[in-house]
Amino acid sequence: MRFEESQSRCVFDIITGDEFWFYHYDPELKEQSKVWMSTSDPRSIKIHRIKSAGEKNGGYFFMKFSLIKSVSLETGAIVNASWYVNACLPQVFQAVSERRETRGLIFHDDNARRRIELGLRTNFCWKIM
């Protein structure tokens, strides 16, 4: 059995992660939305969606007991294989190496095969399961 009836310590070797997207808004103040109207005018109805003031995205990575690293993208950048392999993963494995040796790690990412398999194989000499 791979996990030896709950006695295996393999769960300590797993790194998992995913992307995050946070949108933030600057809501309109009550004073900003007031309109002068006469008493005979019909009530105004506000039907517009507030545009996002900005967004923050990146990736976060965990091991069994804690967050290992949260890596944010620079403004205007997008999550793609190049960013993931060249900017994100080196930071993650630097953070892991400060806590333990990196040999024997199992990297789990729901998008890994589709997005970064070739980059991982060439840059890190890893095998994707």
Foldseek 3Di string as FASTA:
>chain_A
DVCVVVPRPLLQQEKEKDKDKDFAFDDDDPVRPDDDDDPPDDDDDDDDDGDTPAMKMFMWMDGDPDTQDTDTDDPPDDDAQCCCLPPNVVVSVVSVVVPHNNPPHQYDYPCCVVTHQVSCCVVVVDDHD
